[in-house]
Amino acid sequence: MSKSFCENEKQITTLPLFSVIILTYLQRHFIEECIDSVLMQDYPNIELVVCDDCSADFDTQEVMLYVNKNKRSNIKNVIIYKQPHNVGTTKNAQIGVDLSHGTYFKL
């Protein structure tokens, strides 16, 4: 029985990291619901990247606290980033991808 557990544990840790990138701008009222949809996933190796395009209503510390309070062990890395100035959707998406470390990613 112990050997089977070790093999399963090894298999889980060798699964590729999957980065989910949430892009946001002036949508603070939706962010927790969006984050929850990622936190509910059961894939065992997820990175969450939230990339805000300099919204006045976006507080990186507040969002990080929410994620840390609600995440499970399958969330391996969390990056919360706020652009220093508005860069537009395409550039915000590119920066989100650049910040991610996953083998695969989803915007």
PDB file of N, CA and C in Angstrom:
ATOM      1  N   MET A   1       0.823  -1.190   0.000  1.00  0.00           N
ATOM      2  CA  MET A   1       0.000   0.000   0.000  1.00  0.00           C
ATOM      3  C   MET A   1       0.867   1.254   0.000  1.00  0.00           C
ATOM      4  N   SER A   2       1.893   1.273   0.783  1.00  0.00           N
ATOM      5  CA  SER A   2       2.782   2.421   0.857  1.00  0.00           C
ATOM      6  C   SER A   2       3.439   2.706  -0.484  1.00  0.00           C
ATOM      7  N   LYS A   3       3.847   1.669  -1.186  1.00  0.00           N
ATOM      8  CA  LYS A   3       4.494   1.849  -2.478  1.00  0.00           C
ATOM      9  C   LYS A   3       3.540   2.521  -3.460  1.00  0.00           C
ATOM     10  N   SER A   4       2.291   2.113  -3.471  1.00  0.00           N
ATOM     11  CA  SER A   4       1.297   2.701  -4.350  1.00  0.00           C
ATOM     12  C   SER A   4       1.141   4.196  -4.066  1.00  0.00           C
ATOM     13  N   PHE A   5       1.100   4.575  -2.798  1.00  0.00           N
ATOM     14  CA  PHE A   5       0.980   5.988  -2.433  1.00  0.00           C
ATOM     15  C   PHE A   5       2.172   6.770  -2.968  1.00  0.00           C
ATOM     16  N   CYS A   6       3.375   6.245  -2.808  1.00  0.00           N
ATOM     17  CA  CYS A   6       4.573   6.944  -3.284  1.00  0.00           C
ATOM     18  C   CYS A   6       4.543   7.113  -4.794  1.00  0.00           C
ATOM     19  N   GLU A   7       4.097   6.087  -5.507  1.00  0.00           N
ATOM     20  CA  GLU A   7       4.013   6.198  -6.964  1.00  0.00           C
ATOM     21  C   GLU A   7       2.996   7.257  -7.363  1.00  0.00           C
ATOM     22  N   ASN A   8       1.849   7.296  -6.693  1.00  0.00           N
ATOM     23  CA  ASN A   8       0.840   8.310  -6.997  1.00  0.00           C
ATOM     24  C   ASN A   8       1.354   9.704  -6.687  1.00  0.00           C
ATOM     25  N   GLU A   9       2.032   9.867  -5.576  1.00  0.00           N
ATOM     26  CA  GLU A   9       2.595  11.164  -5.201  1.00  0.00           C
ATOM     27  C   GLU A   9       3.624  11.621  -6.234  1.00  0.00           C
ATOM     28  N   LYS A  10       4.455  10.702  -6.696  1.00  0.00           N
ATOM     29  CA  LYS A  10       5.467  11.041  -7.699  1.00  0.00           C
ATOM     30  C   LYS A  10       4.796  11.459  -9.003  1.00  0.00           C
ATOM     31  N   GLN A  11       3.755  10.743  -9.387  1.00  0.00           N
ATOM     32  CA  GLN A  11       3.041  11.064 -10.615  1.00  0.00           C
ATOM     33  C   GLN A  11       2.444  12.473 -10.525  1.00  0.00           C
ATOM     34  N   ILE A  12       1.862  12.821  -9.404  1.00  0.00           N
ATOM     35  CA  ILE A  12       1.262  14.144  -9.233  1.00  0.00           C
ATOM     36  C   ILE A  12       2.314  15.230  -9.340  1.00  0.00           C
ATOM     37  N   THR A  13       3.471  15.041  -8.732  1.00  0.00           N
ATOM     38  CA  THR A  13       4.491  16.087  -8.749  1.00  0.00           C
ATOM     39  C   THR A  13       5.172  16.219 -10.107  1.00  0.00           C
ATOM     40  N   THR A  14       5.010  15.238 -10.990  1.00  0.00           N
ATOM     41  CA  THR A  14       5.623  15.345 -12.309  1.00  0.00           C
ATOM     42  C   THR A  14       4.644  15.860 -13.360  1.00  0.00           C
ATOM     43  N   LEU A  15       3.397  16.101 -12.986  1.00  0.00           N
ATOM     44  CA  LEU A  15       2.453  16.674 -13.932  1.00  0.00           C
ATOM     45  C   LEU A  15       2.878  18.105 -14.261  1.00  0.00           C
ATOM     46  N   PRO A  16       2.706  18.517 -15.514  1.00  0.00           N
ATOM     47  CA  PRO A  16       3.135  19.866 -15.892  1.00  0.00           C
ATOM     48  C   PRO A  16       2.360  20.947 -15.146  1.00  0.00           C
ATOM     49  N   LEU A  17       3.045  22.039 -14.882  1.00  0.00           N
ATOM     50  CA  LEU A  17       2.410  23.200 -14.262  1.00  0.00           C
ATOM     51  C   LEU A  17       1.493  23.850 -15.295  1.00  0.00           C
ATOM     52  N   PHE A  18       0.265  24.131 -14.881  1.00  0.00           N
ATOM     53  CA  PHE A  18      -0.716  24.781 -15.739  1.00  0.00           C
ATOM     54  C   PHE A  18      -0.990  26.163 -15.162  1.00  0.00           C
ATOM     55  N   SER A  19      -0.659  27.196 -15.921  1.00  0.00           N
ATOM     56  CA  SER A  19      -0.864  28.579 -15.471  1.00  0.00           C
ATOM     57  C   SER A  19      -2.209  29.095 -15.962  1.00  0.00           C
ATOM     58  N   VAL A  20      -2.999  29.622 -15.035  1.00  0.00           N
ATOM     59  CA  VAL A  20      -4.252  30.283 -15.380  1.00  0.00           C
ATOM     60  C   VAL A  20      -4.020  31.769 -15.144  1.00  0.00           C
ATOM     61  N   ILE A  21      -4.177  32.549 -16.214  1.00  0.00           N
ATOM     62  CA  ILE A  21      -3.905  33.981 -16.157  1.00  0.00           C
ATOM     63  C   ILE A  21      -5.226  34.732 -16.236  1.00  0.00           C
ATOM     64  N   ILE A  22      -5.519  35.479 -15.188  1.00  0.00           N
ATOM     65  CA  ILE A  22      -6.725  36.298 -15.138  1.00  0.00           C
ATOM     66  C   ILE A  22      -6.322  37.736 -15.450  1.00  0.00           C
ATOM     67  N   LEU A  23      -6.899  38.268 -16.512  1.00  0.00           N
ATOM     68  CA  LEU A  23      -6.666  39.660 -16.883  1.00  0.00           C
ATOM     69  C   LEU A  23      -7.842  40.488 -16.386  1.00  0.00           C
ATOM     70  N   THR A  24      -7.540  41.647 -15.835  1.00  0.00           N
ATOM     71  CA  THR A  24      -8.613  42.473 -15.303  1.00  0.00           C
ATOM     72  C   THR A  24      -8.313  43.955 -15.500  1.00  0.00           C
ATOM     73  N   TYR A  25      -9.393  44.701 -15.657  1.00  0.00           N
ATOM     74  CA  TYR A  25      -9.312  46.164 -15.704  1.00  0.00           C
ATOM     75  C   TYR A  25     -10.677  46.712 -15.303  1.00  0.00           C
ATOM     76  N   LEU A  26     -10.721  47.462 -14.221  1.00  0.00           N
ATOM     77  CA  LEU A  26     -11.944  48.068 -13.701  1.00  0.00           C
ATOM     78  C   LEU A  26     -13.066  47.043 -13.491  1.00  0.00           C
ATOM     79  N   GLN A  27     -12.701  45.861 -13.034  1.00  0.00           N
ATOM     80  CA  GLN A  27     -13.681  44.796 -12.808  1.00  0.00           C
ATOM     81  C   GLN A  27     -13.514  44.178 -11.423  1.00  0.00           C
ATOM     82  N   ARG A  28     -13.140  44.960 -10.451  1.00  0.00           N
ATOM     83  CA  ARG A  28     -12.880  44.450  -9.103  1.00  0.00           C
ATOM     84  C   ARG A  28     -14.059  43.675  -8.539  1.00  0.00           C
ATOM     85  N   HIS A  29     -15.268  44.078  -8.870  1.00  0.00           N
ATOM     86  CA  HIS A  29     -16.465  43.428  -8.341  1.00  0.00           C
ATOM     87  C   HIS A  29     -16.645  41.995  -8.859  1.00  0.00           C
ATOM     88  N   PHE A  30     -15.900  41.603  -9.904  1.00  0.00           N
ATOM     89  CA  PHE A  30     -15.974  40.240 -10.432  1.00  0.00           C
ATOM     90  C   PHE A  30     -14.774  39.372 -10.059  1.00  0.00           C
ATOM     91  N   ILE A  31     -13.726  39.953  -9.514  1.00  0.00           N
ATOM     92  CA  ILE A  31     -12.457  39.238  -9.380  1.00  0.00           C
ATOM     93  C   ILE A  31     -12.547  38.024  -8.457  1.00  0.00           C
ATOM     94  N   GLU A  32     -13.242  38.132  -7.350  1.00  0.00           N
ATOM     95  CA  GLU A  32     -13.313  37.000  -6.425  1.00  0.00           C
ATOM     96  C   GLU A  32     -14.054  35.817  -7.044  1.00  0.00           C
ATOM     97  N   GLU A  33     -15.117  36.088  -7.760  1.00  0.00           N
ATOM     98  CA  GLU A  33     -15.854  35.021  -8.448  1.00  0.00           C
ATOM     99  C   GLU A  33     -14.970  34.340  -9.493  1.00  0.00           C
ATOM    100  N   CYS A  34     -14.205  35.128 -10.209  1.00  0.00           N
ATOM    101  CA  CYS A  34     -13.299  34.578 -11.223  1.00  0.00           C
ATOM    102  C   CYS A  34     -12.198  33.745 -10.572  1.00  0.00           C
ATOM    103  N   ILE A  35     -11.606  34.266  -9.517  1.00  0.00           N
ATOM    104  CA  ILE A  35     -10.567  33.532  -8.781  1.00  0.00           C
ATOM    105  C   ILE A  35     -11.139  32.229  -8.225  1.00  0.00           C
ATOM    106  N   ASP A  36     -12.353  32.279  -7.679  1.00  0.00           N
ATOM    107  CA  ASP A  36     -12.985  31.070  -7.146  1.00  0.00           C
ATOM    108  C   ASP A  36     -13.104  29.976  -8.200  1.00  0.00           C
ATOM    109  N   SER A  37     -13.381  30.359  -9.442  1.00  0.00           N
ATOM    110  CA  SER A  37     -13.509  29.355 -10.495  1.00  0.00           C
ATOM    111  C   SER A  37     -12.185  28.631 -10.748  1.00  0.00           C
ATOM    112  N   VAL A  38     -11.082  29.321 -10.531  1.00  0.00           N
ATOM    113  CA  VAL A  38      -9.765  28.680 -10.649  1.00  0.00           C
ATOM    114  C   VAL A  38      -9.493  27.824  -9.417  1.00  0.00           C
ATOM    115  N   LEU A  39      -9.801  28.350  -8.248  1.00  0.00           N
ATOM    116  CA  LEU A  39      -9.528  27.631  -7.008  1.00  0.00           C
ATOM    117  C   LEU A  39     -10.341  26.341  -6.889  1.00  0.00           C
ATOM    118  N   MET A  40     -11.457  26.241  -7.582  1.00  0.00           N
ATOM    119  CA  MET A  40     -12.286  25.033  -7.536  1.00  0.00           C
ATOM    120  C   MET A  40     -11.753  23.907  -8.413  1.00  0.00           C
ATOM    121  N   GLN A  41     -10.793  24.193  -9.268  1.00  0.00           N
ATOM    122  CA  GLN A  41     -10.263  23.164 -10.161  1.00  0.00           C
ATOM    123  C   GLN A  41      -9.555  22.078  -9.357  1.00  0.00           C
ATOM    124  N   ASP A  42      -9.563  20.854  -9.875  1.00  0.00           N
ATOM    125  CA  ASP A  42      -8.934  19.758  -9.139  1.00  0.00           C
ATOM    126  C   ASP A  42      -7.614  19.294  -9.760  1.00  0.00           C
ATOM    127  N   TYR A  43      -7.182  19.934 -10.829  1.00  0.00           N
ATOM    128  CA  TYR A  43      -5.866  19.598 -11.384  1.00  0.00           C
ATOM    129  C   TYR A  43      -4.818  19.883 -10.297  1.00  0.00           C
ATOM    130  N   PRO A  44      -3.856  18.982 -10.074  1.00  0.00           N
ATOM    131  CA  PRO A  44      -2.984  19.102  -8.904  1.00  0.00           C
ATOM    132  C   PRO A  44      -1.781  20.043  -9.020  1.00  0.00           C
ATOM    133  N   ASN A  45      -1.613  20.758 -10.125  1.00  0.00           N
ATOM    134  CA  ASN A  45      -0.407  21.578 -10.288  1.00  0.00           C
ATOM    135  C   ASN A  45      -0.756  22.859 -11.052  1.00  0.00           C
ATOM    136  N   ILE A  46      -1.339  23.822 -10.344  1.00  0.00           N
ATOM    137  CA  ILE A  46      -1.842  25.053 -10.954  1.00  0.00           C
ATOM    138  C   ILE A  46      -1.083  26.264 -10.427  1.00  0.00           C
ATOM    139  N   GLU A  47      -0.809  27.169 -11.351  1.00  0.00           N
ATOM    140  CA  GLU A  47      -0.285  28.489 -11.001  1.00  0.00           C
ATOM    141  C   GLU A  47      -1.373  29.504 -11.354  1.00  0.00           C
ATOM    142  N   LEU A  48      -1.643  30.430 -10.446  1.00  0.00           N
ATOM    143  CA  LEU A  48      -2.620  31.486 -10.679  1.00  0.00           C
ATOM    144  C   LEU A  48      -1.887  32.808 -10.843  1.00  0.00           C
ATOM    145  N   VAL A  49      -2.135  33.459 -11.971  1.00  0.00           N
ATOM    146  CA  VAL A  49      -1.563  34.786 -12.246  1.00  0.00           C
ATOM    147  C   VAL A  49      -2.735  35.740 -12.467  1.00  0.00           C
ATOM    148  N   VAL A  50      -2.786  36.798 -11.671  1.00  0.00           N
ATOM    149  CA  VAL A  50      -3.792  37.843 -11.860  1.00  0.00           C
ATOM    150  C   VAL A  50      -3.032  39.081 -12.295  1.00  0.00           C
ATOM    151  N   CYS A  51      -3.402  39.613 -13.450  1.00  0.00           N
ATOM    152  CA  CYS A  51      -2.683  40.753 -14.018  1.00  0.00           C
ATOM    153  C   CYS A  51      -3.682  41.885 -14.276  1.00  0.00           C
ATOM    154  N   ASP A  52      -3.584  42.931 -13.465  1.00  0.00           N
ATOM    155  CA  ASP A  52      -4.494  44.062 -13.562  1.00  0.00           C
ATOM    156  C   ASP A  52      -3.854  45.194 -14.366  1.00  0.00           C
ATOM    157  N   ASP A  53      -4.661  45.841 -15.185  1.00  0.00           N
ATOM    158  CA  ASP A  53      -4.155  46.897 -16.071  1.00  0.00           C
ATOM    159  C   ASP A  53      -4.323  48.285 -15.453  1.00  0.00           C
ATOM    160  N   CYS A  54      -3.818  48.433 -14.211  1.00  0.00           N
ATOM    161  CA  CYS A  54      -3.768  49.720 -13.496  1.00  0.00           C
ATOM    162  C   CYS A  54      -5.152  50.266 -13.136  1.00  0.00           C
ATOM    163  N   SER A  55      -6.010  49.401 -12.634  1.00  0.00           N
ATOM    164  CA  SER A  55      -7.338  49.836 -12.175  1.00  0.00           C
ATOM    165  C   SER A  55      -7.219  50.588 -10.862  1.00  0.00           C
ATOM    166  N   ALA A  56      -8.010  51.626 -10.714  1.00  0.00           N
ATOM    167  CA  ALA A  56      -8.019  52.397  -9.469  1.00  0.00           C
ATOM    168  C   ALA A  56      -8.567  51.573  -8.310  1.00  0.00           C
ATOM    169  N   ASP A  57      -9.427  50.593  -8.599  1.00  0.00           N
ATOM    170  CA  ASP A  57     -10.084  49.808  -7.551  1.00  0.00           C
ATOM    171  C   ASP A  57      -9.395  48.473  -7.252  1.00  0.00           C
ATOM    172  N   PHE A  58      -8.201  48.260  -7.759  1.00  0.00           N
ATOM    173  CA  PHE A  58      -7.508  46.973  -7.593  1.00  0.00           C
ATOM    174  C   PHE A  58      -6.401  47.102  -6.553  1.00  0.00           C
ATOM    175  N   ASP A  59      -6.489  46.303  -5.505  1.00  0.00           N
ATOM    176  CA  ASP A  59      -5.500  46.299  -4.426  1.00  0.00           C
ATOM    177  C   ASP A  59      -4.813  44.932  -4.415  1.00  0.00           C
ATOM    178  N   THR A  60      -3.545  44.895  -4.784  1.00  0.00           N
ATOM    179  CA  THR A  60      -2.834  43.611  -4.904  1.00  0.00           C
ATOM    180  C   THR A  60      -2.807  42.852  -3.579  1.00  0.00           C
ATOM    181  N   GLN A  61      -2.598  43.544  -2.473  1.00  0.00           N
ATOM    182  CA  GLN A  61      -2.543  42.870  -1.172  1.00  0.00           C
ATOM    183  C   GLN A  61      -3.888  42.264  -0.800  1.00  0.00           C
ATOM    184  N   GLU A  62      -4.942  42.974  -1.073  1.00  0.00           N
ATOM    185  CA  GLU A  62      -6.292  42.475  -0.782  1.00  0.00           C
ATOM    186  C   GLU A  62      -6.590  41.213  -1.598  1.00  0.00           C
ATOM    187  N   VAL A  63      -6.221  41.221  -2.866  1.00  0.00           N
ATOM    188  CA  VAL A  63      -6.452  40.064  -3.727  1.00  0.00           C
ATOM    189  C   VAL A  63      -5.594  38.884  -3.266  1.00  0.00           C
ATOM    190  N   MET A  64      -4.342  39.144  -2.921  1.00  0.00           N
ATOM    191  CA  MET A  64      -3.461  38.078  -2.440  1.00  0.00           C
ATOM    192  C   MET A  64      -3.999  37.464  -1.151  1.00  0.00           C
ATOM    193  N   LEU A  65      -4.487  38.281  -0.246  1.00  0.00           N
ATOM    194  CA  LEU A  65      -5.089  37.775   0.989  1.00  0.00           C
ATOM    195  C   LEU A  65      -6.279  36.870   0.685  1.00  0.00           C
ATOM    196  N   TYR A  66      -7.104  37.283  -0.259  1.00  0.00           N
ATOM    197  CA  TYR A  66      -8.263  36.468  -0.629  1.00  0.00           C
ATOM    198  C   TYR A  66      -7.822  35.111  -1.181  1.00  0.00           C
ATOM    199  N   VAL A  67      -6.851  35.120  -2.080  1.00  0.00           N
ATOM    200  CA  VAL A  67      -6.362  33.867  -2.659  1.00  0.00           C
ATOM    201  C   VAL A  67      -5.767  32.978  -1.577  1.00  0.00           C
ATOM    202  N   ASN A  68      -4.900  33.528  -0.759  1.00  0.00           N
ATOM    203  CA  ASN A  68      -4.250  32.731   0.291  1.00  0.00           C
ATOM    204  C   ASN A  68      -5.257  32.142   1.278  1.00  0.00           C
ATOM    205  N   LYS A  69      -6.309  32.871   1.546  1.00  0.00           N
ATOM    206  CA  LYS A  69      -7.339  32.399   2.473  1.00  0.00           C
ATOM    207  C   LYS A  69      -8.131  31.232   1.882  1.00  0.00           C
ATOM    208  N   ASN A  70      -8.296  31.201   0.562  1.00  0.00           N
ATOM    209  CA  ASN A  70      -9.202  30.253  -0.083  1.00  0.00           C
ATOM    210  C   ASN A  70      -8.543  29.170  -0.921  1.00  0.00           C
ATOM    211  N   LYS A  71      -7.254  29.259  -1.158  1.00  0.00           N
ATOM    212  CA  LYS A  71      -6.605  28.283  -2.037  1.00  0.00           C
ATOM    213  C   LYS A  71      -6.413  26.938  -1.331  1.00  0.00           C
ATOM    214  N   ARG A  72      -6.264  25.904  -2.155  1.00  0.00           N
ATOM    215  CA  ARG A  72      -5.974  24.558  -1.662  1.00  0.00           C
ATOM    216  C   ARG A  72      -4.554  24.191  -2.086  1.00  0.00           C
ATOM    217  N   SER A  73      -4.149  22.989  -1.760  1.00  0.00           N
ATOM    218  CA  SER A  73      -2.765  22.576  -2.004  1.00  0.00           C
ATOM    219  C   SER A  73      -2.420  22.423  -3.485  1.00  0.00           C
ATOM    220  N   ASN A  74      -3.408  22.375  -4.363  1.00  0.00           N
ATOM    221  CA  ASN A  74      -3.119  22.242  -5.794  1.00  0.00           C
ATOM    222  C   ASN A  74      -2.651  23.554  -6.419  1.00  0.00           C
ATOM    223  N   ILE A  75      -2.810  24.655  -5.709  1.00  0.00           N
ATOM    224  CA  ILE A  75      -2.331  25.950  -6.206  1.00  0.00           C
ATOM    225  C   ILE A  75      -0.875  26.080  -5.763  1.00  0.00           C
ATOM    226  N   LYS A  76       0.024  25.902  -6.704  1.00  0.00           N
ATOM    227  CA  LYS A  76       1.451  25.829  -6.390  1.00  0.00           C
ATOM    228  C   LYS A  76       2.159  27.177  -6.390  1.00  0.00           C
ATOM    229  N   ASN A  77       1.604  28.148  -7.108  1.00  0.00           N
ATOM    230  CA  ASN A  77       2.230  29.464  -7.175  1.00  0.00           C
ATOM    231  C   ASN A  77       1.142  30.495  -7.454  1.00  0.00           C
ATOM    232  N   VAL A  78       1.283  31.676  -6.859  1.00  0.00           N
ATOM    233  CA  VAL A  78       0.327  32.764  -7.069  1.00  0.00           C
ATOM    234  C   VAL A  78       1.117  34.035  -7.358  1.00  0.00           C
ATOM    235  N   ILE A  79       0.737  34.711  -8.430  1.00  0.00           N
ATOM    236  CA  ILE A  79       1.337  35.992  -8.787  1.00  0.00           C
ATOM    237  C   ILE A  79       0.200  36.983  -8.966  1.00  0.00           C
ATOM    238  N   ILE A  80       0.240  38.065  -8.213  1.00  0.00           N
ATOM    239  CA  ILE A  80      -0.735  39.141  -8.351  1.00  0.00           C
ATOM    240  C   ILE A  80       0.055  40.371  -8.795  1.00  0.00           C
ATOM    241  N   TYR A  81      -0.269  40.893  -9.956  1.00  0.00           N
ATOM    242  CA  TYR A  81       0.509  41.989 -10.521  1.00  0.00           C
ATOM    243  C   TYR A  81      -0.424  43.105 -10.985  1.00  0.00           C
ATOM    244  N   LYS A  82      -0.040  44.327 -10.684  1.00  0.00           N
ATOM    245  CA  LYS A  82      -0.776  45.510 -11.144  1.00  0.00           C
ATOM    246  C   LYS A  82       0.150  46.356 -11.999  1.00  0.00           C
ATOM    247  N   GLN A  83      -0.267  46.618 -13.212  1.00  0.00           N
ATOM    248  CA  GLN A  83       0.533  47.458 -14.106  1.00  0.00           C
ATOM    249  C   GLN A  83       0.720  48.836 -13.474  1.00  0.00           C
ATOM    250  N   PRO A  84       1.912  49.443 -13.618  1.00  0.00           N
ATOM    251  CA  PRO A  84       2.135  50.788 -13.067  1.00  0.00           C
ATOM    252  C   PRO A  84       1.361  51.868 -13.825  1.00  0.00           C
ATOM    253  N   HIS A  85       0.974  51.572 -15.070  1.00  0.00           N
ATOM    254  CA  HIS A  85       0.133  52.470 -15.861  1.00  0.00           C
ATOM    255  C   HIS A  85      -0.646  51.606 -16.854  1.00  0.00           C
ATOM    256  N   ASN A  86      -1.728  52.130 -17.376  1.00  0.00           N
ATOM    257  CA  ASN A  86      -2.579  51.370 -18.286  1.00  0.00           C
ATOM    258  C   ASN A  86      -1.833  51.065 -19.577  1.00  0.00           C
ATOM    259  N   VAL A  87      -1.788  49.771 -19.939  1.00  0.00           N
ATOM    260  CA  VAL A  87      -1.040  49.347 -21.125  1.00  0.00           C
ATOM    261  C   VAL A  87      -1.937  48.735 -22.198  1.00  0.00           C
ATOM    262  N   GLY A  88      -3.209  48.533 -21.909  1.00  0.00           N
ATOM    263  CA  GLY A  88      -4.128  47.932 -22.876  1.00  0.00           C
ATOM    264  C   GLY A  88      -4.170  46.413 -22.736  1.00  0.00           C
ATOM    265  N   THR A  89      -5.201  45.829 -23.313  1.00  0.00           N
ATOM    266  CA  THR A  89      -5.465  44.400 -23.159  1.00  0.00           C
ATOM    267  C   THR A  89      -4.353  43.518 -23.707  1.00  0.00           C
ATOM    268  N   THR A  90      -3.880  43.816 -24.900  1.00  0.00           N
ATOM    269  CA  THR A  90      -2.871  42.967 -25.522  1.00  0.00           C
ATOM    270  C   THR A  90      -1.573  42.957 -24.729  1.00  0.00           C
ATOM    271  N   LYS A  91      -1.089  44.111 -24.343  1.00  0.00           N
ATOM    272  CA  LYS A  91       0.151  44.211 -23.559  1.00  0.00           C
ATOM    273  C   LYS A  91      -0.044  43.600 -22.167  1.00  0.00           C
ATOM    274  N   ASN A  92      -1.199  43.820 -21.562  1.00  0.00           N
ATOM    275  CA  ASN A  92      -1.489  43.231 -20.256  1.00  0.00           C
ATOM    276  C   ASN A  92      -1.465  41.702 -20.354  1.00  0.00           C
ATOM    277  N   ALA A  93      -2.040  41.172 -21.426  1.00  0.00           N
ATOM    278  CA  ALA A  93      -2.028  39.716 -21.636  1.00  0.00           C
ATOM    279  C   ALA A  93      -0.598  39.207 -21.818  1.00  0.00           C
ATOM    280  N   GLN A  94       0.197  39.918 -22.600  1.00  0.00           N
ATOM    281  CA  GLN A  94       1.574  39.493 -22.829  1.00  0.00           C
ATOM    282  C   GLN A  94       2.378  39.492 -21.536  1.00  0.00           C
ATOM    283  N   ILE A  95       2.189  40.488 -20.716  1.00  0.00           N
ATOM    284  CA  ILE A  95       2.891  40.550 -19.432  1.00  0.00           C
ATOM    285  C   ILE A  95       2.433  39.409 -18.527  1.00  0.00           C
ATOM    286  N   GLY A  96       1.138  39.101 -18.549  1.00  0.00           N
ATOM    287  CA  GLY A  96       0.631  37.962 -17.792  1.00  0.00           C
ATOM    288  C   GLY A  96       1.289  36.662 -18.213  1.00  0.00           C
ATOM    289  N   VAL A  97       1.429  36.466 -19.508  1.00  0.00           N
ATOM    290  CA  VAL A  97       2.113  35.269 -20.026  1.00  0.00           C
ATOM    291  C   VAL A  97       3.577  35.279 -19.608  1.00  0.00           C
ATOM    292  N   ASP A  98       4.221  36.433 -19.718  1.00  0.00           N
ATOM    293  CA  ASP A  98       5.637  36.539 -19.341  1.00  0.00           C
ATOM    294  C   ASP A  98       5.858  36.240 -17.857  1.00  0.00           C
ATOM    295  N   LEU A  99       4.905  36.595 -17.002  1.00  0.00           N
ATOM    296  CA  LEU A  99       5.029  36.345 -15.570  1.00  0.00           C
ATOM    297  C   LEU A  99       4.796  34.879 -15.210  1.00  0.00           C
ATOM    298  N   SER A 100       4.110  34.158 -16.064  1.00  0.00           N
ATOM    299  CA  SER A 100       3.749  32.775 -15.752  1.00  0.00           C
ATOM    300  C   SER A 100       4.931  31.835 -15.971  1.00  0.00           C
ATOM    301  N   HIS A 101       4.870  30.683 -15.299  1.00  0.00           N
ATOM    302  CA  HIS A 101       5.932  29.693 -15.372  1.00  0.00           C
ATOM    303  C   HIS A 101       5.465  28.349 -15.910  1.00  0.00           C
ATOM    304  N   GLY A 102       4.202  28.235 -16.232  1.00  0.00           N
ATOM    305  CA  GLY A 102       3.616  26.959 -16.610  1.00  0.00           C
ATOM    306  C   GLY A 102       4.068  26.440 -17.968  1.00  0.00           C
ATOM    307  N   THR A 103       3.985  25.133 -18.095  1.00  0.00           N
ATOM    308  CA  THR A 103       4.203  24.494 -19.389  1.00  0.00           C
ATOM    309  C   THR A 103       3.039  24.861 -20.322  1.00  0.00           C
ATOM    310  N   TYR A 104       1.863  24.959 -19.736  1.00  0.00           N
ATOM    311  CA  TYR A 104       0.656  25.349 -20.453  1.00  0.00           C
ATOM    312  C   TYR A 104       0.047  26.552 -19.740  1.00  0.00           C
ATOM    313  N   PHE A 105      -0.690  27.359 -20.491  1.00  0.00           N
ATOM    314  CA  PHE A 105      -1.376  28.484 -19.851  1.00  0.00           C
ATOM    315  C   PHE A 105      -2.712  28.721 -20.523  1.00  0.00           C
ATOM    316  N   LYS A 106      -3.593  29.371 -19.775  1.00  0.00           N
ATOM    317  CA  LYS A 106      -4.913  29.748 -20.251  1.00  0.00           C
ATOM    318  C   LYS A 106      -5.192  31.155 -19.786  1.00  0.00           C
ATOM    319  N   LEU A 107      -5.581  32.020 -20.728  1.00  0.00           N
ATOM    320  CA  LEU A 107      -5.974  33.388 -20.384  1.00  0.00           C
ATOM    321  C   LEU A 107      -7.457  33.401 -20.087  1.00  0.00           C
TER     322      LEU A 107
END
